[in-house]
Structures are given as C-alpha cells and as structure tokens.
Amino acid sequence: MATTPKSTVPFAVTATGAGVAQTIEAGGHHFASDALPAFGGQDAAPSPLYYALAALSSCNQVTSALVAKDLGITLGATRFEVVGDLDPSVIAGGAEGNANFAKVTVRATVETDADAAQFAQLVSETERRCPVTQLFRRSGLELDNHWTPAALAASVA
C-alpha cells in the first residue's frame, strides 16, 4: 500500500530545443544539453545521460549531508565516481531492448568522523532517502553503490 505524502514540493523544468540540443530553465538556472556526435549532436554541452549520472551524484551529496546531520556525525570532503554502462543500440539504432543503463556504479569516498556502524547507517539511510537513488534503483537497472570512509581532514575536525 502506497503512503500518501503529507505535502509535496514541485520541481519544474522548461526547455526549448532543435535537433538534439536543448536550453533548459530550472529553478531560475539556465543550462544546456546536447548529444555526443555518435547520437547526432555537437557535444557542445553535457548529454542528458551525463546529467542523469550527475544528478545521482549530487542528490547523494545533498542527502548524505542531511542524514549526517540527523545522525550527529561530521562529513568533510566527498568524492563521487559514477559510471553508467549503456548499450547505445536501442537509442541510436532502434534495436529492441531496454534503453536504460544496464548498470550504474557509484563509488564514494567520504571524509567522516563516523565509526563503522554509524557509517553503515549513513550509507543505508542515504540510499533510502535519496530520490534520485530511488529513481535509479526502482528502474530495475543494476545499481552498485559502494561507499568508503576516510579520515576527516585536519581543517574539518
């Protein structure tokens, strides 16, 4: 049984474009997207696929900061490496199959003062609460999400 949200916050995007390029406005921010030459673009801006992977990284960053605050732990610098494995034959060639990433790998290194149990809770709770992680997870792709703790830098401690 689905839970009805108490309230929602709308996130709206408007975009205009021609060919495979777009100019996007979101929350007062303006940015562009384009496609790689293999997909008919000029590679003049990040492709929507890069934006999707960046959204996963950024949303994990925001969510982990909120979760750390709730857990009473300190986070310092975080480094994310996100790789999506995509078979381009569906989008570019019209082949039958799933146009989604087959697998997305997230590697995060997080400076923190958390002990092992707290860090495990940080990772688990971040995955549960991150809307973009849930979007990826529920899409059915293989999501390999691996986080590693690192000692806090002296300037953060």
Protein backbone atom coordinates (compact mmCIF):
# COMPACT_ATOMS: atom_id res chain seq x y z
CA MET A 1 0.00 0.00 0.00
CA ALA A 2 1.45 3.35 -1.04
CA THR A 3 1.88 6.08 1.53
CA THR A 4 0.29 9.43 0.69
CA PRO A 5 2.79 12.24 1.13
CA LYS A 6 1.91 14.90 3.71
CA SER A 7 2.91 17.60 1.22
CA THR A 8 4.89 17.87 -1.95
CA VAL A 9 7.31 20.39 -3.39
CA PRO A 10 7.02 20.89 -7.15
CA PHE A 11 10.18 20.75 -9.24
CA ALA A 12 9.53 22.18 -12.71
CA VAL A 13 11.70 22.39 -15.80
CA THR A 14 11.01 24.16 -19.08
CA ALA A 15 13.09 23.54 -22.17
CA THR A 16 13.30 24.51 -25.82
CA GLY A 17 15.44 22.98 -28.49
CA ALA A 18 16.07 21.91 -32.01
CA GLY A 19 17.61 18.68 -33.20
CA VAL A 20 19.28 17.02 -30.22
CA ALA A 21 20.26 20.23 -28.35
CA GLN A 22 18.19 21.98 -25.69
CA THR A 23 18.28 25.04 -23.50
CA ILE A 24 16.79 24.33 -20.10
CA GLU A 25 15.47 26.55 -17.31
CA ALA A 26 15.06 25.03 -13.88
CA GLY A 27 14.51 26.98 -10.69
CA GLY A 28 15.92 30.15 -12.20
CA HIS A 29 19.02 28.37 -13.51
CA HIS A 30 19.74 28.12 -17.21
CA PHE A 31 21.81 25.37 -18.77
CA ALA A 32 22.11 23.41 -21.97
CA SER A 33 22.22 19.83 -23.10
CA ASP A 34 23.49 18.31 -26.31
CA ALA A 35 24.32 14.86 -27.54
CA LEU A 36 27.56 13.19 -28.45
CA PRO A 37 28.38 13.20 -32.18
CA ALA A 38 27.53 9.48 -32.33
CA PHE A 39 23.96 10.48 -31.40
CA GLY A 40 23.79 13.39 -33.86
CA GLY A 41 24.98 16.16 -31.56
CA GLN A 42 27.87 18.60 -31.46
CA ASP A 43 28.93 17.73 -27.87
CA ALA A 44 28.56 21.47 -27.08
CA ALA A 45 27.06 20.72 -23.64
CA PRO A 46 26.71 17.64 -21.44
CA SER A 47 24.36 14.98 -22.72
CA PRO A 48 21.21 14.14 -20.77
CA LEU A 49 22.91 10.88 -19.77
CA TYR A 50 25.71 12.81 -18.07
CA TYR A 51 23.13 14.97 -16.33
CA ALA A 52 21.34 11.84 -15.08
CA LEU A 53 24.55 10.46 -13.59
CA ALA A 54 25.47 13.88 -12.16
CA ALA A 55 22.00 14.10 -10.61
CA LEU A 56 22.64 10.78 -8.87
CA SER A 57 25.96 12.02 -7.50
CA SER A 58 24.62 15.43 -6.45
CA CYS A 59 21.48 14.05 -4.83
CA ASN A 60 23.60 11.60 -2.82
CA GLN A 61 25.78 14.53 -1.70
CA VAL A 62 22.76 16.54 -0.51
CA THR A 63 21.02 13.56 1.09
CA SER A 64 24.15 12.33 2.89
CA ALA A 65 24.64 15.81 4.40
CA LEU A 66 21.06 15.76 5.70
CA VAL A 67 21.43 12.22 7.03
CA ALA A 68 24.77 13.01 8.70
CA LYS A 69 23.17 15.96 10.47
CA ASP A 70 20.36 13.69 11.72
CA LEU A 71 22.92 11.12 12.92
CA GLY A 72 25.11 13.73 14.59
CA ILE A 73 28.19 12.89 12.56
CA THR A 74 30.52 15.18 10.64
CA LEU A 75 31.25 14.87 6.95
CA GLY A 76 34.15 16.52 5.19
CA ALA A 77 35.00 16.28 1.51
CA THR A 78 33.21 13.65 -0.53
CA ARG A 79 34.35 12.33 -3.89
CA PHE A 80 31.93 10.50 -6.17
CA GLU A 81 32.78 8.49 -9.26
CA VAL A 82 29.67 7.41 -11.15
CA VAL A 83 29.76 5.25 -14.27
CA GLY A 84 26.75 4.17 -16.31
CA ASP A 85 27.01 1.24 -18.71
CA LEU A 86 24.73 1.86 -21.69
CA ASP A 87 24.08 -0.18 -24.81
CA PRO A 88 23.59 2.56 -27.42
CA SER A 89 21.96 0.25 -29.97
CA VAL A 90 18.45 0.98 -28.68
CA ILE A 91 18.61 4.80 -28.59
CA ALA A 92 20.85 5.28 -31.62
CA GLY A 93 19.96 2.28 -33.76
CA GLY A 94 16.39 1.46 -32.83
CA ALA A 95 17.25 -2.05 -31.66
CA GLU A 96 14.76 -3.89 -29.50
CA GLY A 97 15.50 -3.87 -25.78
CA ASN A 98 15.78 -1.55 -22.83
CA ALA A 99 17.22 1.92 -23.49
CA ASN A 100 18.12 2.27 -19.80
CA PHE A 101 21.60 1.89 -18.38
CA ALA A 102 22.30 -1.79 -17.79
CA LYS A 103 24.39 -0.98 -14.72
CA VAL A 104 25.36 2.11 -12.77
CA THR A 105 28.31 2.03 -10.40
CA VAL A 106 28.68 4.60 -7.64
CA ARG A 107 31.96 4.86 -5.75
CA ALA A 108 32.03 7.41 -2.96
CA THR A 109 34.88 8.29 -0.63
CA VAL A 110 33.65 10.26 2.36
CA GLU A 111 35.70 12.06 4.98
CA THR A 112 33.89 11.50 8.27
CA ASP A 113 34.22 11.06 12.00
CA ALA A 114 31.65 8.24 11.93
CA ASP A 115 32.53 4.85 13.37
CA ALA A 116 31.84 1.74 11.26
CA ALA A 117 28.26 1.29 12.49
CA GLN A 118 27.41 4.96 12.00
CA PHE A 119 28.95 4.94 8.54
CA ALA A 120 26.92 1.88 7.54
CA GLN A 121 23.80 3.66 8.77
CA LEU A 122 24.78 6.82 6.84
CA VAL A 123 25.11 4.84 3.60
CA SER A 124 21.93 2.82 4.11
CA GLU A 125 19.83 5.81 5.11
CA THR A 126 21.23 7.96 2.30
CA GLU A 127 20.27 5.30 -0.23
CA ARG A 128 16.78 5.02 1.26
CA ARG A 129 16.14 8.76 1.40
CA CYS A 130 17.79 9.92 -1.85
CA PRO A 131 15.09 10.49 -4.50
CA VAL A 132 17.47 10.04 -7.44
CA THR A 133 18.98 6.85 -5.99
CA GLN A 134 15.45 5.52 -5.62
CA LEU A 135 14.64 6.55 -9.20
CA PHE A 136 17.64 4.56 -10.43
CA ARG A 137 17.08 1.62 -8.06
CA ARG A 138 13.38 1.27 -8.92
CA SER A 139 14.08 1.46 -12.66
CA GLY A 140 15.38 -2.09 -12.48
CA LEU A 141 18.96 -1.41 -13.51
CA GLU A 142 21.82 -2.95 -11.58
CA LEU A 143 22.98 -0.31 -9.08
CA ASP A 144 26.37 -0.99 -7.48
CA ASN A 145 26.60 1.54 -4.64
CA HIS A 146 29.87 1.38 -2.69
CA TRP A 147 30.97 3.98 -0.14
CA THR A 148 34.32 4.12 1.67
CA PRO A 149 35.02 6.17 4.80
CA ALA A 150 38.14 8.31 5.06
CA ALA A 151 39.58 10.23 7.99
CA LEU A 152 38.49 13.82 8.30
CA ALA A 153 41.00 16.39 7.12
CA ALA A 154 42.50 18.40 9.99
CA SER A 155 40.74 21.59 8.81
CA VAL A 156 37.30 19.93 9.21
CA ALA A 157 37.80 18.10 12.52
